[in-house]
Amino acid sequence: MNMEEYYGSLASDILQAAEKSKLRWLKGNKRLMFPALISSALAIKSYLRSQLVDAYSKGDKQKLAELNKYRVERLLEMVNRLWRYHRTIPTYFQFTL
C-alpha cells in the first residue's frame, strides 16, 4: 500500500469511526475531524515532491502545470482548511489533581 492510499484510507476510517460510534461522546466528535484533515493533507502531499522533481528534471512543463493545478492547489486548500479548523478547536485543558 502506498502512502497516498494509506493516509486516504486512514482519513475515511477516522470519519467512519466518529459517525458509526455508539458512544455518545465519540459520535460526531469534532476533535476527530482534525486528525482526519491531517490524514487527507498527507495523502495529497505524500508523493507530490517526487512527482514534481521528476517532471521538473524531465522539463515536462505540461506535467508541472497539471500537478500545480490539481495537486498543489488542492494541498493548499486542504492546509488552509486544516488551519481554519484548528483555530476553532478549544485548546484549553483543565488540570485537576
Protein backbone atom coordinates (compact mmCIF):
# COMPACT_ATOMS: atom_id res chain seq x y z
CA MET A 1 0.00 0.00 0.00
CA ASN A 2 1.44 3.37 -0.93
CA MET A 3 1.34 6.34 1.43
CA GLU A 4 -1.35 8.17 -0.53
CA GLU A 5 -3.70 5.20 -0.21
CA TYR A 6 -2.75 4.68 3.43
CA TYR A 7 -3.47 8.26 4.53
CA GLY A 8 -6.61 8.47 2.40
CA SER A 9 -7.89 5.26 3.96
CA LEU A 10 -6.95 6.49 7.43
CA ALA A 11 -8.93 9.71 6.95
CA SER A 12 -12.05 7.84 5.85
CA ASP A 13 -11.66 5.31 8.70
CA ILE A 14 -11.48 8.11 11.27
CA LEU A 15 -14.57 9.79 9.88
CA GLN A 16 -16.48 6.49 9.76
CA ALA A 17 -15.50 5.70 13.34
CA ALA A 18 -16.84 9.05 14.51
CA GLU A 19 -20.11 8.59 12.62
CA LYS A 20 -20.76 4.94 13.49
CA SER A 21 -19.77 5.09 17.13
CA LYS A 22 -22.37 4.10 19.66
CA LEU A 23 -20.50 6.03 22.32
CA ARG A 24 -22.26 9.33 22.87
CA TRP A 25 -19.07 11.29 23.49
CA LEU A 26 -17.45 9.98 20.31
CA LYS A 27 -20.38 10.33 17.92
CA GLY A 28 -19.76 13.35 15.72
CA ASN A 29 -16.74 14.25 17.83
CA LYS A 30 -15.28 17.41 16.35
CA ARG A 31 -11.82 16.61 17.63
CA LEU A 32 -11.70 13.60 15.32
CA MET A 33 -12.10 15.92 12.35
CA PHE A 34 -8.62 17.34 12.97
CA PRO A 35 -6.70 14.04 12.50
CA ALA A 36 -8.95 13.24 9.54
CA LEU A 37 -7.99 16.54 7.90
CA ILE A 38 -4.31 15.93 8.65
CA SER A 39 -4.54 12.50 7.03
CA SER A 40 -6.24 13.99 3.97
CA ALA A 41 -3.49 16.60 3.60
CA LEU A 42 -0.78 13.94 3.96
CA ALA A 43 -2.50 11.79 1.34
CA ILE A 44 -2.20 14.65 -1.15
CA LYS A 45 1.37 15.54 -0.11
CA SER A 46 2.87 12.05 0.13
CA TYR A 47 4.24 11.68 -3.41
CA LEU A 48 3.95 15.26 -4.55
CA ARG A 49 7.65 16.09 -4.17
CA SER A 50 8.84 13.09 -6.16
CA GLN A 51 6.30 13.82 -8.89
CA LEU A 52 7.36 17.48 -9.07
CA VAL A 53 11.07 16.60 -9.14
CA ASP A 54 10.50 14.02 -11.86
CA ALA A 55 8.52 16.42 -14.04
CA TYR A 56 11.00 19.25 -13.46
CA SER A 57 14.07 17.15 -14.25
CA LYS A 58 12.44 15.97 -17.49
CA GLY A 59 11.46 19.52 -18.39
CA ASP A 60 7.83 18.46 -18.68
CA LYS A 61 6.05 21.79 -18.34
CA GLN A 62 2.68 20.22 -19.12
CA LYS A 63 3.02 17.78 -16.21
CA LEU A 64 4.22 20.57 -13.89
CA ALA A 65 1.21 22.70 -14.78
CA GLU A 66 -1.08 19.72 -14.24
CA LEU A 67 0.46 18.93 -10.85
CA ASN A 68 0.18 22.57 -9.83
CA LYS A 69 -3.44 22.79 -10.88
CA TYR A 70 -4.67 19.53 -9.37
CA ARG A 71 -2.30 18.58 -6.56
CA VAL A 72 -0.57 21.71 -5.26
CA GLU A 73 -3.71 23.86 -5.28
CA ARG A 74 -5.69 21.06 -3.62
CA LEU A 75 -2.99 20.68 -0.98
CA LEU A 76 -3.01 24.42 -0.28
CA GLU A 77 -6.79 24.37 0.08
CA MET A 78 -6.58 21.40 2.45
CA VAL A 79 -3.87 23.04 4.58
CA ASN A 80 -5.91 26.25 4.78
CA ARG A 81 -8.98 24.23 5.78
CA LEU A 82 -6.91 22.40 8.39
CA TRP A 83 -5.58 25.70 9.77
CA ARG A 84 -9.08 27.22 9.95
CA TYR A 85 -10.44 24.14 11.66
CA HIS A 86 -7.57 24.12 14.14
CA ARG A 87 -8.44 27.69 15.11
CA THR A 88 -11.96 26.58 16.11
CA ILE A 89 -10.86 23.81 18.47
CA PRO A 90 -10.74 24.91 22.10
CA THR A 91 -7.19 24.40 23.28
CA TYR A 92 -7.73 24.81 26.99
CA PHE A 93 -7.15 21.87 29.25
CA GLN A 94 -8.34 21.58 32.79
CA PHE A 95 -5.69 20.22 35.06
CA THR A 96 -7.08 18.74 38.21
CA LEU A 97 -5.30 16.91 40.93
